[in-house]
Each structure stands twice: as C-alpha cells, then as structure tokens.
C-alpha cells in the first residue's frame, strides 16, 4: 500500500483508507475525531481568553489577589 503523504487529495486519501483493514480504519476515525475535538476545545479556550482579556485589564476585583503574589506566606500551625 502507498504511504499516505501530505499533499494527497481528499479522494486519494479516501481510496487509500478504504484499502485498509477495518481495524486500521477505525483507528484513523478515532484519531481524526480526537483531532477535531482538540482543535475545537483550543478554539473555545482561545476565544474565551480573548473575550476576558479586557475584563482582567479593567476590573481590579478580578486581579485583586494578584497583589499577594509577592507577599511572604507563612503557614499557621
């Protein structure tokens, strides 16, 4: 079987995938689904962080505890 390489056309990929045994096709399907989920999660996180960025710049209540980052911390016993 020909090695699947970057730059193959969609129909060429489908033909090559159809030639694989069922177990290998299922693995490909799982990997593609995982890739799509990861890409969508990344997009959601990126969009949310962009939307909240101005809030963190302008709302001091959201960053009030950041002032404590440089304070010494001592555990009470």
Protein backbone atom coordinates (compact mmCIF):
# COMPACT_ATOMS: atom_id res chain seq x y z
CA UNK A 1 0.00 0.00 0.00
CA UNK A 2 1.18 3.51 -0.79
CA UNK A 3 2.20 5.57 2.20
CA UNK A 4 -0.25 8.39 2.85
CA UNK A 5 1.68 11.62 2.42
CA UNK A 6 0.99 15.28 2.99
CA UNK A 7 -0.39 16.88 -0.13
CA UNK A 8 -2.59 13.98 -1.23
CA UNK A 9 -6.00 15.00 -2.48
CA UNK A 10 -9.06 14.12 -0.42
CA UNK A 11 -10.30 11.48 -2.85
CA UNK A 12 -6.84 9.86 -2.93
CA UNK A 13 -6.84 9.68 0.87
CA UNK A 14 -10.30 8.11 0.91
CA UNK A 15 -9.26 5.49 -1.65
CA UNK A 16 -6.18 4.59 0.41
CA UNK A 17 -8.19 4.45 3.64
CA UNK A 18 -10.78 2.16 2.02
CA UNK A 19 -7.97 -0.29 1.18
CA UNK A 20 -7.04 -0.65 4.85
CA UNK A 21 -8.42 -3.37 7.10
CA UNK A 22 -11.39 -2.35 9.25
CA UNK A 23 -9.34 -2.18 12.47
CA UNK A 24 -6.93 0.33 10.91
CA UNK A 25 -9.82 2.40 9.51
CA UNK A 26 -11.38 2.58 12.97
CA UNK A 27 -8.07 3.81 14.41
CA UNK A 28 -7.94 6.52 11.74
CA UNK A 29 -11.53 7.52 12.53
CA UNK A 30 -10.74 7.77 16.25
CA UNK A 31 -7.62 9.85 15.61
CA UNK A 32 -9.50 12.23 13.31
CA UNK A 33 -12.33 12.64 15.84
CA UNK A 34 -9.79 13.30 18.61
CA UNK A 35 -8.02 15.87 16.45
CA UNK A 36 -11.29 17.68 15.75
CA UNK A 37 -12.22 17.73 19.46
CA UNK A 38 -8.80 19.10 20.43
CA UNK A 39 -8.97 21.79 17.74
CA UNK A 40 -12.46 22.85 18.82
CA UNK A 41 -11.50 22.90 22.51
CA UNK A 42 -8.47 25.01 21.71
CA UNK A 43 -10.61 27.42 19.70
CA UNK A 44 -13.13 27.75 22.54
CA UNK A 45 -10.41 28.39 25.12
CA UNK A 46 -8.68 30.91 22.88
CA UNK A 47 -11.92 32.78 22.19
CA UNK A 48 -12.85 32.84 25.88
CA UNK A 49 -9.45 34.14 26.92
CA UNK A 50 -9.60 36.89 24.29
CA UNK A 51 -13.06 37.91 25.47
CA UNK A 52 -11.96 38.05 29.12
CA UNK A 53 -8.67 39.84 28.50
CA UNK A 54 -10.11 43.35 28.63
CA UNK A 55 -12.07 42.43 31.76
CA UNK A 56 -8.85 41.47 33.51
CA UNK A 57 -7.19 44.68 32.36
CA UNK A 58 -10.01 46.93 33.56
CA UNK A 59 -11.65 45.18 36.53
CA UNK A 60 -9.40 45.39 39.60
CA UNK A 61 -11.64 42.95 41.52
CA UNK A 62 -10.62 40.17 39.15
CA UNK A 63 -6.93 40.72 39.85
CA UNK A 64 -7.03 41.83 43.49
CA UNK A 65 -5.43 38.62 44.77
CA UNK A 66 -2.56 39.03 42.32
CA UNK A 67 -1.20 41.70 44.67
CA UNK A 68 -0.49 38.93 47.15
CA UNK A 69 1.78 37.05 44.74
CA UNK A 70 4.87 38.79 46.09
CA UNK A 71 3.91 38.60 49.76
CA UNK A 72 5.70 36.11 52.01
CA UNK A 73 3.47 33.25 53.03
CA UNK A 74 3.73 31.61 56.42
CA UNK A 75 1.70 28.60 57.33
CA UNK A 76 -0.23 28.92 60.60
CA UNK A 77 0.30 25.99 62.91
